């Protein structure tokens, strides 16, 4: 363990961390249907999530598996942008 840090990537490795991120992201994408199907949110939520939020998440996953040094910074920025669109989906979908 590096410098007494016990984060998942340090303990289990980068490859397993990427696989975990992929699994969790796919679960998250699948879960985005639930609020619309159960009529918690309206069509605006569904449209924003399906056209912006989920594609951005898939793109982040694609970047995650590419081995380029600038990708972590790009992924971080895209995930922040994704959160803003996710909040917009919730706001407009009420």
N, C-alpha and C. Protein backbone atom coordinates (compact mmCIF):
# COMPACT_ATOMS: atom_id res chain seq x y z
N UNK A 1 0.85 -1.18 0.00
CA UNK A 1 0.00 0.00 0.00
C UNK A 1 0.89 1.23 0.00
N UNK A 2 0.59 2.11 -0.89
CA UNK A 2 1.42 3.29 -1.15
C UNK A 2 1.10 4.41 -0.16
N UNK A 3 2.08 4.83 0.62
CA UNK A 3 1.94 5.94 1.57
C UNK A 3 0.72 5.82 2.48
N UNK A 4 0.41 4.62 2.89
CA UNK A 4 -0.75 4.35 3.75
C UNK A 4 -2.08 4.75 3.13
N UNK A 5 -2.12 4.88 1.82
CA UNK A 5 -3.37 5.18 1.12
C UNK A 5 -4.03 3.87 0.75
N UNK A 6 -5.31 3.77 1.02
CA UNK A 6 -6.01 2.52 0.74
C UNK A 6 -7.20 2.78 -0.18
N UNK A 7 -6.96 3.45 -1.28
CA UNK A 7 -8.02 3.66 -2.25
C UNK A 7 -8.18 2.39 -3.09
N UNK A 8 -9.31 2.26 -3.72
CA UNK A 8 -9.59 1.07 -4.51
C UNK A 8 -8.53 0.85 -5.60
N UNK A 9 -8.16 1.88 -6.37
CA UNK A 9 -7.14 1.65 -7.41
C UNK A 9 -5.78 1.23 -6.85
N UNK A 10 -5.42 1.75 -5.71
CA UNK A 10 -4.13 1.38 -5.13
C UNK A 10 -4.15 -0.05 -4.61
N UNK A 11 -5.23 -0.42 -3.95
CA UNK A 11 -5.32 -1.75 -3.36
C UNK A 11 -5.54 -2.83 -4.42
N UNK A 12 -6.45 -2.58 -5.37
CA UNK A 12 -6.84 -3.62 -6.33
C UNK A 12 -6.28 -3.43 -7.74
N UNK A 13 -5.75 -2.27 -8.02
CA UNK A 13 -5.16 -2.04 -9.33
C UNK A 13 -6.05 -1.25 -10.27
N UNK A 14 -5.41 -0.68 -11.25
CA UNK A 14 -6.11 0.18 -12.21
C UNK A 14 -7.10 -0.61 -13.06
N UNK A 15 -6.70 -1.78 -13.51
CA UNK A 15 -7.57 -2.57 -14.39
C UNK A 15 -8.89 -2.92 -13.69
N UNK A 16 -8.80 -3.39 -12.45
CA UNK A 16 -10.02 -3.73 -11.71
C UNK A 16 -10.84 -2.48 -11.41
N UNK A 17 -10.17 -1.37 -11.20
CA UNK A 17 -10.88 -0.11 -10.95
C UNK A 17 -11.67 0.32 -12.18
N UNK A 18 -11.08 0.16 -13.33
CA UNK A 18 -11.77 0.53 -14.57
C UNK A 18 -12.98 -0.37 -14.80
N UNK A 19 -12.83 -1.64 -14.50
CA UNK A 19 -13.95 -2.57 -14.66
C UNK A 19 -15.07 -2.21 -13.69
N UNK A 20 -14.72 -1.88 -12.46
CA UNK A 20 -15.72 -1.47 -11.48
C UNK A 20 -16.44 -0.20 -11.95
N UNK A 21 -15.69 0.75 -12.46
CA UNK A 21 -16.30 1.99 -12.96
C UNK A 21 -17.26 1.70 -14.11
N UNK A 22 -16.88 0.78 -14.98
CA UNK A 22 -17.75 0.44 -16.10
C UNK A 22 -19.04 -0.19 -15.60
N UNK A 23 -18.94 -1.11 -14.67
CA UNK A 23 -20.12 -1.78 -14.13
C UNK A 23 -21.04 -0.78 -13.44
N UNK A 24 -20.47 0.07 -12.60
CA UNK A 24 -21.27 1.06 -11.89
C UNK A 24 -21.92 2.06 -12.85
N UNK A 25 -21.20 2.44 -13.88
CA UNK A 25 -21.76 3.38 -14.87
C UNK A 25 -22.91 2.74 -15.64
N UNK A 26 -22.77 1.49 -16.00
CA UNK A 26 -23.85 0.80 -16.71
C UNK A 26 -25.08 0.65 -15.83
N UNK A 27 -24.87 0.39 -14.55
CA UNK A 27 -26.00 0.33 -13.61
C UNK A 27 -26.66 1.70 -13.52
N UNK A 28 -25.85 2.74 -13.46
CA UNK A 28 -26.39 4.10 -13.40
C UNK A 28 -27.20 4.44 -14.65
N UNK A 29 -26.68 4.07 -15.80
CA UNK A 29 -27.41 4.33 -17.05
C UNK A 29 -28.74 3.58 -17.05
N UNK A 30 -28.72 2.33 -16.62
CA UNK A 30 -29.96 1.55 -16.56
C UNK A 30 -30.94 2.17 -15.57
N UNK A 31 -30.43 2.71 -14.48
CA UNK A 31 -31.30 3.29 -13.45
C UNK A 31 -31.93 4.61 -13.89
N UNK A 32 -31.39 5.24 -14.92
CA UNK A 32 -31.96 6.52 -15.35
C UNK A 32 -33.35 6.35 -15.97
N UNK A 33 -33.70 5.15 -16.35
CA UNK A 33 -35.03 4.91 -16.90
C UNK A 33 -36.11 4.91 -15.82
N UNK A 34 -35.75 4.50 -14.63
CA UNK A 34 -36.72 4.30 -13.54
C UNK A 34 -37.58 5.54 -13.24
N UNK A 35 -36.99 6.72 -13.02
CA UNK A 35 -37.83 7.87 -12.69
C UNK A 35 -38.83 8.24 -13.79
N UNK A 36 -38.48 7.97 -15.02
CA UNK A 36 -39.41 8.27 -16.11
C UNK A 36 -40.51 7.22 -16.19
N UNK A 37 -40.12 5.97 -16.10
CA UNK A 37 -41.09 4.87 -16.20
C UNK A 37 -42.11 4.94 -15.07
N UNK A 38 -41.65 5.28 -13.88
CA UNK A 38 -42.56 5.36 -12.73
C UNK A 38 -43.24 6.72 -12.62
N UNK A 39 -43.04 7.56 -13.61
CA UNK A 39 -43.66 8.88 -13.71
C UNK A 39 -43.29 9.82 -12.57
N UNK A 40 -42.09 9.63 -12.03
CA UNK A 40 -41.58 10.58 -11.05
C UNK A 40 -41.20 11.87 -11.78
N UNK A 41 -40.62 11.71 -12.98
CA UNK A 41 -40.26 12.86 -13.81
C UNK A 41 -40.93 12.74 -15.17
N UNK A 42 -41.06 13.89 -15.83
CA UNK A 42 -41.75 13.95 -17.11
C UNK A 42 -40.79 13.69 -18.27
N UNK A 43 -41.31 13.87 -19.46
CA UNK A 43 -40.57 13.59 -20.69
C UNK A 43 -39.32 14.46 -20.82
N UNK A 44 -39.34 15.66 -20.28
CA UNK A 44 -38.17 16.54 -20.36
C UNK A 44 -36.96 15.89 -19.69
N UNK A 45 -37.20 15.27 -18.55
CA UNK A 45 -36.13 14.54 -17.86
C UNK A 45 -35.56 13.46 -18.77
N UNK A 46 -36.46 12.67 -19.31
CA UNK A 46 -36.04 11.55 -20.15
C UNK A 46 -35.25 12.02 -21.36
N UNK A 47 -35.70 13.08 -22.00
CA UNK A 47 -35.01 13.58 -23.19
C UNK A 47 -33.61 14.10 -22.86
N UNK A 48 -33.50 14.85 -21.78
CA UNK A 48 -32.18 15.38 -21.41
C UNK A 48 -31.24 14.25 -21.02
N UNK A 49 -31.74 13.31 -20.26
CA UNK A 49 -30.90 12.19 -19.82
C UNK A 49 -30.46 11.33 -21.00
N UNK A 50 -31.39 11.04 -21.89
CA UNK A 50 -31.06 10.15 -23.01
C UNK A 50 -30.22 10.82 -24.09
N UNK A 51 -30.36 12.12 -24.26
CA UNK A 51 -29.61 12.78 -25.33
C UNK A 51 -28.31 13.41 -24.87
N UNK A 52 -28.19 13.72 -23.58
CA UNK A 52 -26.97 14.40 -23.11
C UNK A 52 -26.25 13.62 -22.02
N UNK A 53 -26.96 13.30 -20.95
CA UNK A 53 -26.31 12.72 -19.77
C UNK A 53 -25.72 11.34 -20.06
N UNK A 54 -26.53 10.44 -20.54
CA UNK A 54 -26.03 9.08 -20.79
C UNK A 54 -24.96 9.02 -21.88
N UNK A 55 -25.12 9.74 -23.00
CA UNK A 55 -24.02 9.72 -23.98
C UNK A 55 -22.71 10.28 -23.42
N UNK A 56 -22.79 11.31 -22.59
CA UNK A 56 -21.57 11.85 -21.97
C UNK A 56 -20.93 10.81 -21.06
N UNK A 57 -21.76 10.08 -20.34
CA UNK A 57 -21.24 9.03 -19.45
C UNK A 57 -20.57 7.92 -20.25
N UNK A 58 -21.17 7.54 -21.36
CA UNK A 58 -20.58 6.51 -22.22
C UNK A 58 -19.25 7.02 -22.80
N UNK A 59 -19.21 8.28 -23.18
CA UNK A 59 -17.97 8.85 -23.70
C UNK A 59 -16.87 8.85 -22.62
N UNK A 60 -17.25 9.14 -21.39
CA UNK A 60 -16.28 9.09 -20.29
C UNK A 60 -15.74 7.68 -20.11
N UNK A 61 -16.61 6.69 -20.25
CA UNK A 61 -16.16 5.30 -20.16
C UNK A 61 -15.18 4.97 -21.28
N UNK A 62 -15.47 5.47 -22.47
CA UNK A 62 -14.58 5.24 -23.60
C UNK A 62 -13.20 5.85 -23.31
N UNK A 63 -13.20 7.07 -22.80
CA UNK A 63 -11.93 7.73 -22.46
C UNK A 63 -11.20 7.00 -21.35
N UNK A 64 -11.95 6.42 -20.43
CA UNK A 64 -11.35 5.70 -19.31
C UNK A 64 -10.47 4.56 -19.78
N UNK A 65 -10.88 3.90 -20.85
CA UNK A 65 -10.14 2.74 -21.32
C UNK A 65 -9.07 3.09 -22.36
N UNK A 66 -9.01 4.34 -22.76
CA UNK A 66 -7.92 4.78 -23.63
C UNK A 66 -6.75 5.21 -22.75
N UNK A 67 -5.58 4.85 -23.14
CA UNK A 67 -4.39 5.14 -22.33
C UNK A 67 -3.71 6.43 -22.79
N UNK A 68 -4.31 7.56 -22.47
CA UNK A 68 -3.70 8.84 -22.80
C UNK A 68 -3.61 9.68 -21.53
N UNK A 69 -2.49 10.35 -21.33
CA UNK A 69 -2.27 11.05 -20.07
C UNK A 69 -3.25 12.18 -19.78
N UNK A 70 -3.82 12.80 -20.80
CA UNK A 70 -4.74 13.91 -20.55
C UNK A 70 -6.17 13.44 -20.25
N UNK A 71 -6.44 12.17 -20.40
CA UNK A 71 -7.80 11.67 -20.21
C UNK A 71 -8.37 11.85 -18.81
N UNK A 72 -7.62 11.61 -17.74
CA UNK A 72 -8.23 11.82 -16.41
C UNK A 72 -8.75 13.24 -16.20
N UNK A 73 -8.04 14.23 -16.69
CA UNK A 73 -8.49 15.62 -16.56
C UNK A 73 -9.75 15.83 -17.40
N UNK A 74 -9.75 15.30 -18.60
CA UNK A 74 -10.91 15.43 -19.49
C UNK A 74 -12.12 14.72 -18.89
N UNK A 75 -11.91 13.53 -18.36
CA UNK A 75 -13.01 12.78 -17.75
C UNK A 75 -13.58 13.55 -16.56
N UNK A 76 -12.71 14.10 -15.74
CA UNK A 76 -13.15 14.86 -14.57
C UNK A 76 -14.03 16.04 -15.00
N UNK A 77 -13.59 16.76 -16.00
CA UNK A 77 -14.37 17.91 -16.49
C UNK A 77 -15.70 17.47 -17.08
N UNK A 78 -15.69 16.39 -17.84
CA UNK A 78 -16.93 15.91 -18.45
C UNK A 78 -17.92 15.41 -17.40
N UNK A 79 -17.42 14.78 -16.35
CA UNK A 79 -18.31 14.31 -15.29
C UNK A 79 -18.94 15.49 -14.54
N UNK A 80 -18.19 16.55 -14.37
CA UNK A 80 -18.76 17.76 -13.74
C UNK A 80 -19.84 18.36 -14.63
N UNK A 81 -19.57 18.43 -15.91
CA UNK A 81 -20.57 18.92 -16.86
C UNK A 81 -21.79 18.00 -16.86
N UNK A 82 -21.54 16.72 -16.77
CA UNK A 82 -22.62 15.74 -16.74
C UNK A 82 -23.52 15.94 -15.52
N UNK A 83 -22.93 16.28 -14.40
CA UNK A 83 -23.73 16.54 -13.19
C UNK A 83 -24.64 17.74 -13.40
N UNK A 84 -24.14 18.76 -14.06
CA UNK A 84 -24.96 19.95 -14.33
C UNK A 84 -26.15 19.57 -15.21
N UNK A 85 -25.89 18.79 -16.25
CA UNK A 85 -26.99 18.37 -17.12
C UNK A 85 -27.95 17.44 -16.38
N UNK A 86 -27.43 16.62 -15.50
CA UNK A 86 -28.29 15.75 -14.70
C UNK A 86 -29.21 16.56 -13.79
N UNK A 87 -28.66 17.59 -13.18
CA UNK A 87 -29.49 18.46 -12.35
C UNK A 87 -30.51 19.21 -13.19
N UNK A 88 -30.11 19.62 -14.39
CA UNK A 88 -31.05 20.28 -15.30
C UNK A 88 -32.18 19.33 -15.68
N UNK A 89 -31.85 18.07 -15.90
CA UNK A 89 -32.86 17.07 -16.25
C UNK A 89 -33.88 16.94 -15.11
N UNK A 90 -33.38 16.92 -13.90
CA UNK A 90 -34.28 16.82 -12.74
C UNK A 90 -35.14 18.08 -12.63
N UNK A 91 -34.52 19.24 -12.80
CA UNK A 91 -35.24 20.51 -12.68
C UNK A 91 -36.34 20.62 -13.74
N UNK A 92 -35.99 20.37 -14.99
CA UNK A 92 -36.96 20.53 -16.07
C UNK A 92 -37.95 19.37 -16.15
N UNK A 93 -37.62 18.27 -15.53
CA UNK A 93 -38.49 17.10 -15.59
C UNK A 93 -39.55 17.04 -14.53
N UNK A 94 -39.54 17.99 -13.61
CA UNK A 94 -40.55 17.97 -12.54
C UNK A 94 -41.93 18.30 -13.05
